Amino acid sequence: MTQPACPKCESKEATKSGVVAGRQRFKCRNCGYHFTVAKVGREVNTFYVVKALQLYLEGLSYREIERLLGVSHVSVMNWVKKYALQVPRQPQVSPTARLLSQPELQVYLLDPTHLAGAGVVITAVADKFLVLRWELLQEPPLLKRRAGSAGTEL
């Protein structure tokens, strides 16, 4: 076992000093500070955190992200809270997501109807590709100038 460093003075000289809540307690020989070694938990790869946040911003629900990436929807909620992300309101947009292999993706991209009239984002997820497609449900209203001002419609 490697000798833990003191969190106060960062000295490597520490002696065992009992057990607290099932974890080994240490006492620094330099400054006399008592400390326990940090709990080693399961660490999630940052790739999944970034992908989950990207999917969230694209409008997918927590459960959809859970199904696509295989991480808990509660973890996704915690990451959204941690990084203070907010999805912009776009009620007239309809997002769809598909998980495709490389040959399926090639066939998908050869069909021009999949690319016309919509926004498409393609991202790699493990050995597959996630295709996010969103299209407008209705055309946005044109901005009009006041009747008394110079010019015509925009």
C-alpha atoms as a PDB file:
ATOM      1  CA  MET A   1       0.000   0.000   0.000  1.00  0.00           C
ATOM      2  CA  THR A   2       1.303   3.452  -0.867  1.00  0.00           C
ATOM      3  CA  GLN A   3       1.692   5.914   1.942  1.00  0.00           C
ATOM      4  CA  PRO A   4      -1.075   8.584   1.828  1.00  0.00           C
ATOM      5  CA  ALA A   5      -0.163  12.260   1.733  1.00  0.00           C
ATOM      6  CA  CYS A   6      -1.410  14.606   4.452  1.00  0.00           C
ATOM      7  CA  PRO A   7      -4.155  16.870   3.028  1.00  0.00           C
ATOM      8  CA  LYS A   8      -2.971  19.749   5.239  1.00  0.00           C
ATOM      9  CA  CYS A   9       0.817  19.829   4.728  1.00  0.00           C
ATOM     10  CA  GLU A  10       1.146  17.214   1.926  1.00  0.00           C
ATOM     11  CA  SER A  11       3.792  15.286   3.840  1.00  0.00           C
ATOM     12  CA  LYS A  12       4.168  11.584   3.060  1.00  0.00           C
ATOM     13  CA  GLU A  13       5.135  10.788   6.646  1.00  0.00           C
ATOM     14  CA  ALA A  14       2.002   9.456   8.348  1.00  0.00           C
ATOM     15  CA  THR A  15       1.293   6.658  10.808  1.00  0.00           C
ATOM     16  CA  LYS A  16      -1.824   4.559  11.208  1.00  0.00           C
ATOM     17  CA  SER A  17      -4.052   5.900  13.938  1.00  0.00           C
ATOM     18  CA  GLY A  18      -7.088   3.634  14.229  1.00  0.00           C
ATOM     19  CA  VAL A  19     -10.172   2.974  12.136  1.00  0.00           C
ATOM     20  CA  VAL A  20     -13.176   5.292  11.836  1.00  0.00           C
ATOM     21  CA  ALA A  21     -16.420   4.157  10.130  1.00  0.00           C
ATOM     22  CA  GLY A  22     -14.572   1.218   8.583  1.00  0.00           C
ATOM     23  CA  ARG A  23     -11.860   3.397   7.038  1.00  0.00           C
ATOM     24  CA  GLN A  24      -8.230   3.595   8.095  1.00  0.00           C
ATOM     25  CA  ARG A  25      -7.320   6.770   9.974  1.00  0.00           C
ATOM     26  CA  PHE A  26      -3.843   8.326   9.772  1.00  0.00           C
ATOM     27  CA  LYS A  27      -1.868  10.897  11.792  1.00  0.00           C
ATOM     28  CA  CYS A  28       0.667  13.128  10.081  1.00  0.00           C
ATOM     29  CA  ARG A  29       4.092  13.050  11.781  1.00  0.00           C
ATOM     30  CA  ASN A  30       4.857  16.562  10.527  1.00  0.00           C
ATOM     31  CA  CYS A  31       1.829  18.566  11.644  1.00  0.00           C
ATOM     32  CA  GLY A  32      -0.121  16.085  13.800  1.00  0.00           C
ATOM     33  CA  TYR A  33      -3.262  16.314  11.624  1.00  0.00           C
ATOM     34  CA  HIS A  34      -5.625  13.290  11.683  1.00  0.00           C
ATOM     35  CA  PHE A  35      -7.138  12.266   8.341  1.00  0.00           C
ATOM     36  CA  THR A  36      -8.673   9.353   6.480  1.00  0.00           C
ATOM     37  CA  VAL A  37      -7.931   8.300   2.934  1.00  0.00           C
ATOM     38  CA  ALA A  38     -10.487   9.481   0.397  1.00  0.00           C
ATOM     39  CA  LYS A  39     -13.113   6.920  -0.546  1.00  0.00           C
ATOM     40  CA  VAL A  40     -12.433   5.318  -3.895  1.00  0.00           C
ATOM     41  CA  GLY A  41     -15.715   5.262  -5.801  1.00  0.00           C
ATOM     42  CA  ARG A  42     -16.747   4.190  -9.235  1.00  0.00           C
ATOM     43  CA  GLU A  43     -15.641   6.905 -11.626  1.00  0.00           C
ATOM     44  CA  VAL A  44     -17.570   7.497 -14.852  1.00  0.00           C
ATOM     45  CA  ASN A  45     -15.624   8.177 -18.022  1.00  0.00           C
ATOM     46  CA  THR A  46     -15.894  11.864 -18.986  1.00  0.00           C
ATOM     47  CA  PHE A  47     -16.806  10.778 -22.530  1.00  0.00           C
ATOM     48  CA  TYR A  48     -20.204   9.612 -21.251  1.00  0.00           C
ATOM     49  CA  VAL A  49     -20.744  12.786 -19.233  1.00  0.00           C
ATOM     50  CA  VAL A  50     -20.068  14.984 -22.264  1.00  0.00           C
ATOM     51  CA  LYS A  51     -22.241  12.840 -24.558  1.00  0.00           C
ATOM     52  CA  ALA A  52     -25.089  12.837 -22.030  1.00  0.00           C
ATOM     53  CA  LEU A  53     -24.946  16.621 -21.714  1.00  0.00           C
ATOM     54  CA  GLN A  54     -24.856  17.046 -25.502  1.00  0.00           C
ATOM     55  CA  LEU A  55     -27.896  14.803 -25.881  1.00  0.00           C
ATOM     56  CA  TYR A  56     -29.696  16.694 -23.132  1.00  0.00           C
ATOM     57  CA  LEU A  57     -29.049  19.993 -24.906  1.00  0.00           C
ATOM     58  CA  GLU A  58     -30.383  18.466 -28.127  1.00  0.00           C
ATOM     59  CA  GLY A  59     -33.706  17.905 -26.375  1.00  0.00           C
ATOM     60  CA  LEU A  60     -33.605  14.220 -25.434  1.00  0.00           C
ATOM     61  CA  SER A  61     -35.174  13.202 -22.137  1.00  0.00           C
ATOM     62  CA  TYR A  62     -33.221  11.722 -19.236  1.00  0.00           C
ATOM     63  CA  ARG A  63     -34.714   8.269 -19.900  1.00  0.00           C
ATOM     64  CA  GLU A  64     -33.836   8.409 -23.618  1.00  0.00           C
ATOM     65  CA  ILE A  65     -30.262   9.296 -22.724  1.00  0.00           C
ATOM     66  CA  GLU A  66     -30.219   6.425 -20.223  1.00  0.00           C
ATOM     67  CA  ARG A  67     -31.314   3.957 -22.922  1.00  0.00           C
ATOM     68  CA  LEU A  68     -28.807   5.246 -25.478  1.00  0.00           C
ATOM     69  CA  LEU A  69     -25.697   5.511 -23.302  1.00  0.00           C
ATOM     70  CA  GLY A  70     -26.404   2.940 -20.591  1.00  0.00           C
ATOM     71  CA  VAL A  71     -25.949   5.379 -17.703  1.00  0.00           C
ATOM     72  CA  SER A  72     -28.542   6.051 -15.028  1.00  0.00           C
ATOM     73  CA  HIS A  73     -31.042   8.831 -15.704  1.00  0.00           C
ATOM     74  CA  VAL A  74     -30.380  10.020 -12.141  1.00  0.00           C
ATOM     75  CA  SER A  75     -26.693  10.428 -13.001  1.00  0.00           C
ATOM     76  CA  VAL A  76     -27.672  12.480 -16.057  1.00  0.00           C
ATOM     77  CA  MET A  77     -29.912  14.696 -13.876  1.00  0.00           C
ATOM     78  CA  ASN A  78     -27.062  15.176 -11.398  1.00  0.00           C
ATOM     79  CA  TRP A  79     -24.650  16.141 -14.192  1.00  0.00           C
ATOM     80  CA  VAL A  80     -27.155  18.649 -15.577  1.00  0.00           C
ATOM     81  CA  LYS A  81     -27.513  20.193 -12.107  1.00  0.00           C
ATOM     82  CA  LYS A  82     -23.758  20.127 -11.500  1.00  0.00           C
ATOM     83  CA  TYR A  83     -22.948  21.955 -14.727  1.00  0.00           C
ATOM     84  CA  ALA A  84     -26.076  24.199 -14.503  1.00  0.00           C
ATOM     85  CA  LEU A  85     -27.316  23.460 -18.010  1.00  0.00           C
ATOM     86  CA  GLN A  86     -30.619  24.750 -19.288  1.00  0.00           C
ATOM     87  CA  VAL A  87     -32.288  23.649 -22.482  1.00  0.00           C
ATOM     88  CA  PRO A  88     -33.435  26.556 -24.635  1.00  0.00           C
ATOM     89  CA  ARG A  89     -37.200  26.551 -25.221  1.00  0.00           C
ATOM     90  CA  GLN A  90     -38.067  25.420 -28.762  1.00  0.00           C
ATOM     91  CA  PRO A  91     -41.648  24.115 -28.732  1.00  0.00           C
ATOM     92  CA  GLN A  92     -41.945  24.119 -32.529  1.00  0.00           C
ATOM     93  CA  VAL A  93     -39.040  21.667 -33.005  1.00  0.00           C
ATOM     94  CA  SER A  94     -39.399  17.887 -33.071  1.00  0.00           C
ATOM     95  CA  PRO A  95     -36.170  15.964 -32.297  1.00  0.00           C
ATOM     96  CA  THR A  96     -35.701  12.298 -33.190  1.00  0.00           C
ATOM     97  CA  ALA A  97     -32.777  10.042 -32.366  1.00  0.00           C
ATOM     98  CA  ARG A  98     -31.561   6.846 -34.033  1.00  0.00           C
ATOM     99  CA  LEU A  99     -28.660   4.564 -33.175  1.00  0.00           C
ATOM    100  CA  LEU A 100     -27.071   3.187 -36.362  1.00  0.00           C
ATOM    101  CA  SER A 101     -24.119   0.992 -37.274  1.00  0.00           C
ATOM    102  CA  GLN A 102     -21.642   2.202 -39.903  1.00  0.00           C
ATOM    103  CA  PRO A 103     -23.307   0.426 -42.884  1.00  0.00           C
ATOM    104  CA  GLU A 104     -26.742   1.645 -41.743  1.00  0.00           C
ATOM    105  CA  LEU A 105     -25.372   5.182 -41.432  1.00  0.00           C
ATOM    106  CA  GLN A 106     -24.019   5.071 -45.008  1.00  0.00           C
ATOM    107  CA  VAL A 107     -27.420   4.007 -46.336  1.00  0.00           C
ATOM    108  CA  TYR A 108     -29.120   6.683 -44.201  1.00  0.00           C
ATOM    109  CA  LEU A 109     -26.880   9.444 -45.556  1.00  0.00           C
ATOM    110  CA  LEU A 110     -27.373   8.407 -49.191  1.00  0.00           C
ATOM    111  CA  ASP A 111     -31.106   9.155 -48.927  1.00  0.00           C
ATOM    112  CA  PRO A 112     -31.525  12.925 -49.540  1.00  0.00           C
ATOM    113  CA  THR A 113     -34.889  13.041 -47.762  1.00  0.00           C
ATOM    114  CA  HIS A 114     -33.118  12.432 -44.433  1.00  0.00           C
ATOM    115  CA  LEU A 115     -30.986  15.543 -44.842  1.00  0.00           C
ATOM    116  CA  ALA A 116     -33.364  18.019 -46.479  1.00  0.00           C
ATOM    117  CA  GLY A 117     -35.439  20.371 -44.339  1.00  0.00           C
ATOM    118  CA  ALA A 118     -33.975  19.405 -40.983  1.00  0.00           C
ATOM    119  CA  GLY A 119     -30.924  19.796 -38.781  1.00  0.00           C
ATOM    120  CA  VAL A 120     -28.788  16.687 -38.311  1.00  0.00           C
ATOM    121  CA  VAL A 121     -26.036  15.931 -35.798  1.00  0.00           C
ATOM    122  CA  ILE A 122     -24.083  12.679 -35.986  1.00  0.00           C
ATOM    123  CA  THR A 123     -21.931  11.603 -33.063  1.00  0.00           C
ATOM    124  CA  ALA A 124     -20.091   8.391 -32.191  1.00  0.00           C
ATOM    125  CA  VAL A 125     -21.360   6.337 -29.261  1.00  0.00           C
ATOM    126  CA  ALA A 126     -19.169   3.282 -28.596  1.00  0.00           C
ATOM    127  CA  ASP A 127     -19.120   1.298 -31.874  1.00  0.00           C
ATOM    128  CA  LYS A 128     -22.305   2.883 -33.265  1.00  0.00           C
ATOM    129  CA  PHE A 129     -23.397   6.306 -34.449  1.00  0.00           C
ATOM    130  CA  LEU A 130     -26.136   8.408 -32.900  1.00  0.00           C
ATOM    131  CA  VAL A 131     -28.070  10.439 -35.462  1.00  0.00           C
ATOM    132  CA  LEU A 132     -30.025  13.340 -33.985  1.00  0.00           C
ATOM    133  CA  ARG A 133     -32.448  14.923 -36.404  1.00  0.00           C
ATOM    134  CA  TRP A 134     -34.823  17.757 -35.682  1.00  0.00           C
ATOM    135  CA  GLU A 135     -37.248  19.501 -37.947  1.00  0.00           C
ATOM    136  CA  LEU A 136     -39.536  22.476 -37.573  1.00  0.00           C
ATOM    137  CA  LEU A 137     -43.172  21.595 -37.056  1.00  0.00           C
ATOM    138  CA  GLN A 138     -44.211  25.009 -38.377  1.00  0.00           C
ATOM    139  CA  GLU A 139     -42.455  27.814 -40.196  1.00  0.00           C
ATOM    140  CA  PRO A 140     -41.421  30.702 -37.919  1.00  0.00           C
ATOM    141  CA  PRO A 141     -43.508  33.843 -38.546  1.00  0.00           C
ATOM    142  CA  LEU A 142     -41.882  36.494 -40.701  1.00  0.00           C
ATOM    143  CA  LEU A 143     -40.939  39.716 -39.003  1.00  0.00           C
ATOM    144  CA  LYS A 144     -42.851  42.646 -40.432  1.00  0.00           C
ATOM    145  CA  ARG A 145     -41.995  46.309 -40.220  1.00  0.00           C
ATOM    146  CA  ARG A 146     -44.537  48.812 -39.087  1.00  0.00           C
ATOM    147  CA  ALA A 147     -46.792  50.169 -41.806  1.00  0.00           C
ATOM    148  CA  GLY A 148     -45.491  53.723 -41.342  1.00  0.00           C
ATOM    149  CA  SER A 149     -41.773  52.885 -41.647  1.00  0.00           C
ATOM    150  CA  ALA A 150     -39.805  52.794 -44.873  1.00  0.00           C
ATOM    151  CA  GLY A 151     -39.126  49.476 -46.548  1.00  0.00           C
ATOM    152  CA  THR A 152     -41.033  46.293 -47.150  1.00  0.00           C
ATOM    153  CA  GLU A 153     -41.348  42.963 -45.409  1.00  0.00           C
ATOM    154  CA  LEU A 154     -38.168  41.258 -44.361  1.00  0.00           C
END
